[in-house]
Amino acid sequence: MVRADSAPLAPPQEDSLRGAGQWLGWGALLGLGAMLWAPVLSALWVTWRKDESLSHGPAIFVLALVHLWYRRGELGRWDAAHPAGLALLIPALLLHLASMFADIVFLKAFSLLAVTLGVIWYLGGTRAFQVCLGALGFLAFVIPWPTTLSEKLAFPLQLTSSAYAGLFAGILGVPIVREGVHLAVQTSPTAKPIYSVLVAQQCSGLTSMIVLLSLGYLIAYHTPVKLWWRALMVAAMVPLTLLANTVRLTLILIAGAYYSPALATWVHDHEAPVLIFFCSIGILAVRQALLSLQSAQSSEPEAAA
């Protein structure tokens, strides 16, 4: 028995035309996205190959795609568009056009990332935006920082690292004379230096910080805690970087003072991966502490009940 108020079925031809139109629309959107990203990725590829601090760029890019593929089931159907995405998309597009005109690599990549997120939010809705935001956030750590910002960050890091390296070496009994970013092993201020180190911008720890920030983001992304705790995990990489760079400089001073300049050079060239490994253990310890704290907080109401 057929109900009188039932809606008539759409003809199969109309369904096939609608499906073909959707595929054409998605194909055009993906093609436009590829056209926008191709020149930006080409410029980033050159930077990744030249800049040691961004040599992990290709791996992070692939990692972001893998995370999107892993969470593809959470995206669902894109039938819940949100107008807030348009509020992000329009200024991001204008910023991208301005960056193309001014030829600013940092703004090109950053604005295009914002454009991508705006399109996802506008067409896919809030849920799709939240799912993609975490994965695409990895790309923020493969974009080269502006030169002005790098210089302003590097000098305070140079001063801080050299100050603490001189302090640590002094505690260990190494006679250190420090003048700014110059560290010298001297028995007295007027004696000839036994060994000296100039903490240049390349030795400020900024390179390690960029790598460790991306590592901290990766670990925080996979830590089921509150958002501000995840942000704390990423921020914790800054003091860990300073500590690692201070230890590195201290070991270089000890090697140069008590053994040979050749050994100090070898330590300078080979100890960075080891220190990054220990920093990874440190952030994993922070992760475990936050998980334990969250577990304890969630068990308190149950005990009270």
Protein backbone atom coordinates (compact mmCIF):
# COMPACT_ATOMS: atom_id res chain seq x y z
CA MET A 1 0.00 0.00 0.00
CA VAL A 2 1.42 3.40 -1.01
CA ARG A 3 0.88 6.43 1.19
CA ALA A 4 -0.74 9.40 -0.50
CA ASP A 5 1.66 11.92 1.04
CA SER A 6 4.86 10.12 0.03
CA ALA A 7 7.28 12.20 -2.08
CA PRO A 8 7.90 11.03 -5.64
CA LEU A 9 11.26 9.47 -6.32
CA ALA A 10 13.74 11.46 -8.40
CA PRO A 11 14.36 10.06 -11.85
CA PRO A 12 17.62 8.06 -12.10
CA GLN A 13 18.85 10.44 -14.81
CA GLU A 14 18.44 13.42 -12.47
CA ASP A 15 20.40 11.62 -9.72
CA SER A 16 23.23 10.80 -12.10
CA LEU A 17 23.39 14.41 -13.31
CA ARG A 18 23.47 15.68 -9.74
CA GLY A 19 26.25 13.24 -8.88
CA ALA A 20 28.25 14.24 -11.96
CA GLY A 21 27.83 17.91 -11.07
CA GLN A 22 29.15 17.29 -7.56
CA TRP A 23 32.19 15.45 -8.91
CA LEU A 24 32.87 18.26 -11.36
CA GLY A 25 32.57 20.84 -8.58
CA TRP A 26 34.97 18.96 -6.30
CA GLY A 27 37.35 18.40 -9.19
CA ALA A 28 37.39 22.11 -10.03
CA LEU A 29 37.96 23.00 -6.36
CA LEU A 30 40.84 20.53 -6.02
CA GLY A 31 42.35 21.76 -9.29
CA LEU A 32 42.20 25.37 -8.11
CA GLY A 33 43.79 24.36 -4.81
CA ALA A 34 46.60 22.56 -6.64
CA MET A 35 47.23 25.63 -8.79
CA LEU A 36 47.50 27.82 -5.70
CA TRP A 37 49.69 25.43 -3.70
CA ALA A 38 52.08 24.39 -6.51
CA PRO A 39 54.20 27.59 -6.64
CA VAL A 40 54.19 27.91 -2.84
CA LEU A 41 55.33 24.31 -2.36
CA SER A 42 57.99 24.82 -5.00
CA ALA A 43 59.42 27.79 -3.08
CA LEU A 44 59.15 25.90 0.21
CA TRP A 45 60.98 22.91 -1.27
CA VAL A 46 63.96 25.12 -2.08
CA THR A 47 63.93 26.51 1.45
CA TRP A 48 63.66 23.05 3.00
CA ARG A 49 66.74 21.90 1.11
CA LYS A 50 68.82 24.96 2.03
CA ASP A 51 67.72 25.76 5.60
CA GLU A 52 68.91 23.22 8.16
CA SER A 53 66.22 24.24 10.63
CA LEU A 54 63.51 23.32 8.11
CA SER A 55 65.06 20.17 6.64
CA HIS A 56 62.24 18.20 8.30
CA GLY A 57 59.71 20.01 6.09
CA PRO A 58 58.96 17.17 3.62
CA ALA A 59 58.47 14.68 6.46
CA ILE A 60 56.08 17.03 8.30
CA PHE A 61 54.10 17.66 5.09
CA VAL A 62 53.66 13.92 4.54
CA LEU A 63 52.80 13.51 8.22
CA ALA A 64 49.98 16.07 7.91
CA LEU A 65 48.53 14.20 4.93
CA VAL A 66 48.75 10.90 6.80
CA HIS A 67 46.86 12.38 9.76
CA LEU A 68 44.15 13.67 7.44
CA TRP A 69 43.83 10.25 5.84
CA TYR A 70 43.76 8.57 9.25
CA ARG A 71 40.84 10.77 10.35
CA ARG A 72 38.98 10.71 7.05
CA GLY A 73 36.11 8.80 8.66
CA GLU A 74 35.41 11.75 11.00
CA LEU A 75 34.95 14.19 8.15
CA GLY A 76 31.67 12.62 7.07
CA ARG A 77 29.52 14.31 4.45
CA TRP A 78 30.26 17.92 3.68
CA ASP A 79 26.68 19.12 3.93
CA ALA A 80 26.91 21.40 6.97
CA ALA A 81 28.52 24.56 5.63
CA HIS A 82 29.29 27.31 8.14
CA PRO A 83 29.28 31.04 7.25
CA ALA A 84 32.12 31.69 9.72
CA GLY A 85 34.43 30.00 7.24
CA LEU A 86 33.72 32.82 4.79
CA ALA A 87 34.86 35.32 7.42
CA LEU A 88 38.21 33.52 7.49
CA LEU A 89 38.41 32.84 3.75
CA ILE A 90 37.97 36.41 2.46
CA PRO A 91 40.73 38.14 4.52
CA ALA A 92 43.01 35.14 3.98
CA LEU A 93 42.56 35.48 0.21
CA LEU A 94 43.29 39.20 0.37
CA LEU A 95 46.38 38.54 2.47
CA HIS A 96 47.54 35.90 -0.02
CA LEU A 97 47.14 38.30 -2.94
CA ALA A 98 49.13 40.94 -1.05
CA SER A 99 51.88 38.44 -0.23
CA MET A 100 52.10 37.36 -3.88
CA PHE A 101 52.42 41.00 -4.93
CA ALA A 102 55.09 41.69 -2.28
CA ASP A 103 56.79 38.30 -2.83
CA ILE A 104 56.95 37.40 0.88
CA VAL A 105 57.49 33.65 1.22
CA PHE A 106 56.34 33.48 4.84
CA LEU A 107 53.04 35.24 4.11
CA LYS A 108 52.45 33.23 0.93
CA ALA A 109 52.49 29.94 2.77
CA PHE A 110 50.78 31.19 5.93
CA SER A 111 47.92 32.92 4.10
CA LEU A 112 47.38 29.96 1.79
CA LEU A 113 47.15 27.67 4.80
CA ALA A 114 44.49 30.02 6.21
CA VAL A 115 42.69 29.97 2.84
CA THR A 116 42.63 26.17 2.91
CA LEU A 117 41.20 26.11 6.43
CA GLY A 118 38.64 28.76 5.46
CA VAL A 119 37.42 26.68 2.50
CA ILE A 120 37.15 23.58 4.70
CA TRP A 121 35.22 25.48 7.37
CA TYR A 122 32.89 27.17 4.87
CA LEU A 123 32.08 24.02 2.86
CA GLY A 124 32.42 21.29 5.46
CA GLY A 125 31.21 22.95 8.62
CA THR A 126 32.66 23.20 12.09
CA ARG A 127 33.27 19.47 12.53
CA ALA A 128 35.34 19.19 9.36
CA PHE A 129 37.24 22.34 10.35
CA GLN A 130 38.10 20.94 13.79
CA VAL A 131 39.27 17.63 12.33
CA CYS A 132 41.49 19.30 9.72
CA LEU A 133 42.79 22.08 11.96
CA GLY A 134 45.01 19.81 14.04
CA ALA A 135 46.46 17.95 11.06
CA LEU A 136 47.05 21.04 8.92
CA GLY A 137 48.53 22.79 11.96
CA PHE A 138 51.66 20.71 11.36
CA LEU A 139 52.32 22.82 8.26
CA ALA A 140 52.84 25.92 10.42
CA PHE A 141 56.15 24.37 11.54
CA VAL A 142 57.56 24.03 8.02
CA ILE A 143 57.02 27.65 7.00
CA PRO A 144 60.21 29.76 7.16
CA TRP A 145 60.09 32.47 9.79
CA PRO A 146 60.60 36.10 8.73
CA THR A 147 64.25 37.14 8.87
CA THR A 148 63.48 40.03 11.21
CA LEU A 149 61.72 37.73 13.67
CA SER A 150 64.54 35.17 13.56
CA GLU A 151 67.14 37.84 14.28
CA LYS A 152 65.15 39.28 17.18
CA LEU A 153 64.74 35.82 18.71
CA ALA A 154 68.28 34.61 18.03
CA PHE A 155 70.14 37.33 19.93
CA PRO A 156 68.33 36.86 23.29
CA LEU A 157 68.84 33.12 22.88
CA GLN A 158 72.56 33.72 22.27
CA LEU A 159 72.87 35.82 25.42
CA THR A 160 70.84 33.41 27.56
CA SER A 161 72.64 30.30 26.34
CA SER A 162 76.08 31.84 26.80
CA ALA A 163 75.21 33.12 30.29
CA TYR A 164 73.96 29.75 31.52
CA ALA A 165 76.78 27.87 29.78
CA GLY A 166 79.29 30.05 31.62
CA LEU A 167 77.40 29.44 34.88
CA PHE A 168 77.25 25.66 34.40
CA ALA A 169 80.89 25.44 33.37
CA GLY A 170 81.88 27.53 36.38
CA ILE A 171 79.94 25.24 38.71
CA LEU A 172 81.87 22.30 37.23
CA GLY A 173 85.15 24.04 38.01
CA VAL A 174 86.01 25.45 34.57
CA PRO A 175 87.47 28.99 34.84
CA ILE A 176 85.23 31.04 32.52
CA VAL A 177 85.51 34.67 31.47
CA ARG A 178 82.38 35.85 29.67
CA GLU A 179 82.00 38.98 27.56
CA GLY A 180 78.56 39.05 25.96
CA VAL A 181 78.33 35.99 23.73
CA HIS A 182 82.08 35.29 23.94
CA LEU A 183 83.16 32.59 26.40
CA ALA A 184 86.81 32.00 27.18
CA VAL A 185 88.48 29.45 29.44
CA GLN A 186 91.05 31.55 31.33
CA THR A 187 92.75 31.05 34.68
CA SER A 188 92.55 34.85 35.16
CA PRO A 189 91.13 37.79 33.22
CA THR A 190 94.64 38.77 32.06
CA ALA A 191 95.85 35.26 31.18
CA LYS A 192 95.89 33.85 27.66
CA PRO A 193 92.68 31.92 26.86
CA ILE A 194 93.09 28.17 26.88
CA TYR A 195 90.00 27.79 24.72
CA SER A 196 87.26 30.18 23.62
CA VAL A 197 83.82 29.99 22.05
CA LEU A 198 81.83 32.64 20.23
CA VAL A 199 78.11 31.86 20.46
CA ALA A 200 77.03 32.96 16.99
CA GLN A 201 73.47 33.14 15.69
CA GLN A 202 73.77 29.61 14.28
CA CYS A 203 74.62 28.39 17.81
CA SER A 204 71.76 30.25 19.52
CA GLY A 205 69.56 27.15 19.65
CA LEU A 206 66.95 28.59 17.29
CA THR A 207 67.43 25.75 14.80
CA SER A 208 66.86 23.15 17.51
CA MET A 209 63.88 25.11 18.81
CA ILE A 210 62.08 24.99 15.45
CA VAL A 211 62.61 21.23 15.23
CA LEU A 212 61.58 20.64 18.84
CA LEU A 213 58.46 22.81 18.52
CA SER A 214 57.23 20.60 15.68
CA LEU A 215 58.05 17.53 17.77
CA GLY A 216 56.20 19.00 20.74
CA TYR A 217 53.18 19.72 18.56
CA LEU A 218 53.18 16.12 17.30
CA ILE A 219 53.27 14.69 20.83
CA ALA A 220 50.65 17.18 22.08
CA TYR A 221 48.39 16.31 19.14
CA HIS A 222 48.31 12.69 20.28
CA THR A 223 47.84 13.48 23.97
CA PRO A 224 44.20 13.26 25.15
CA VAL A 225 44.25 16.22 27.55
CA LYS A 226 42.70 19.67 27.64
CA LEU A 227 43.62 22.14 24.92
CA TRP A 228 45.53 24.54 27.17
CA TRP A 229 47.57 21.61 28.52
CA ARG A 230 48.50 20.72 24.97
CA ALA A 231 49.59 24.31 24.41
CA LEU A 232 51.67 24.02 27.59
CA MET A 233 53.41 20.95 26.15
CA VAL A 234 54.39 22.86 23.01
CA ALA A 235 55.52 25.89 25.06
CA ALA A 236 57.64 23.59 27.26
CA MET A 237 59.92 22.99 24.28
CA VAL A 238 61.32 26.54 24.63
CA PRO A 239 62.98 26.01 28.06
CA LEU A 240 63.98 22.49 27.00
CA THR A 241 65.72 23.98 23.97
CA LEU A 242 67.57 26.50 26.15
CA LEU A 243 68.62 23.74 28.52
CA ALA A 244 69.82 21.52 25.66
CA ASN A 245 71.80 24.33 24.05
CA THR A 246 73.33 25.28 27.40
CA VAL A 247 74.45 21.69 27.98
CA ARG A 248 75.87 21.57 24.46
CA LEU A 249 77.94 24.72 24.98
CA THR A 250 79.11 23.52 28.39
CA LEU A 251 80.31 20.21 26.93
CA ILE A 252 82.14 22.08 24.16
CA LEU A 253 83.92 24.27 26.71
CA ILE A 254 84.94 21.26 28.80
CA ALA A 255 86.18 19.35 25.75
CA GLY A 256 88.19 22.33 24.51
CA ALA A 257 89.63 23.19 27.92
CA TYR A 258 90.66 19.74 29.15
CA TYR A 259 91.17 17.73 25.98
CA SER A 260 91.64 19.38 22.57
CA PRO A 261 90.01 21.85 20.17
CA ALA A 262 89.53 18.96 17.74
CA LEU A 263 87.36 17.11 20.26
CA ALA A 264 85.42 20.29 20.98
CA THR A 265 84.74 20.66 17.26
CA TRP A 266 83.60 17.05 17.07
CA VAL A 267 81.22 17.58 20.00
CA HIS A 268 79.90 20.74 18.34
CA ASP A 269 79.16 18.86 15.12
CA HIS A 270 77.67 15.64 16.52
CA GLU A 271 75.93 16.18 19.84
CA ALA A 272 72.80 18.01 18.63
CA PRO A 273 70.84 14.83 17.70
CA VAL A 274 71.67 13.32 21.08
CA LEU A 275 70.39 16.37 22.93
CA ILE A 276 67.23 16.45 20.81
CA PHE A 277 66.70 12.82 21.80
CA PHE A 278 66.94 13.70 25.50
CA CYS A 279 64.57 16.64 24.95
CA SER A 280 62.12 14.15 23.41
CA ILE A 281 62.35 12.05 26.56
CA GLY A 282 61.73 15.21 28.59
CA ILE A 283 58.55 16.16 26.72
CA LEU A 284 57.33 12.56 26.97
CA ALA A 285 57.81 12.83 30.74
CA VAL A 286 55.73 16.04 30.72
CA ARG A 287 53.07 14.19 28.72
CA GLN A 288 52.94 11.36 31.23
CA ALA A 289 52.72 13.82 34.12
CA LEU A 290 49.77 15.62 32.51
CA LEU A 291 47.99 12.33 31.80
CA SER A 292 48.48 11.26 35.42
CA LEU A 293 47.22 14.64 36.66
CA GLN A 294 44.14 14.45 34.46
CA SER A 295 43.45 10.91 35.62
CA ALA A 296 43.73 11.96 39.26
CA GLN A 297 41.37 14.92 38.72
CA SER A 298 38.78 12.76 36.98
CA SER A 299 38.88 10.16 39.77
CA GLU A 300 38.27 12.71 42.56
CA PRO A 301 34.53 13.25 41.80
CA GLU A 302 34.01 9.47 41.64
CA ALA A 303 35.67 9.05 45.05
CA ALA A 304 33.53 11.84 46.50
CA ALA A 305 30.37 10.21 45.16
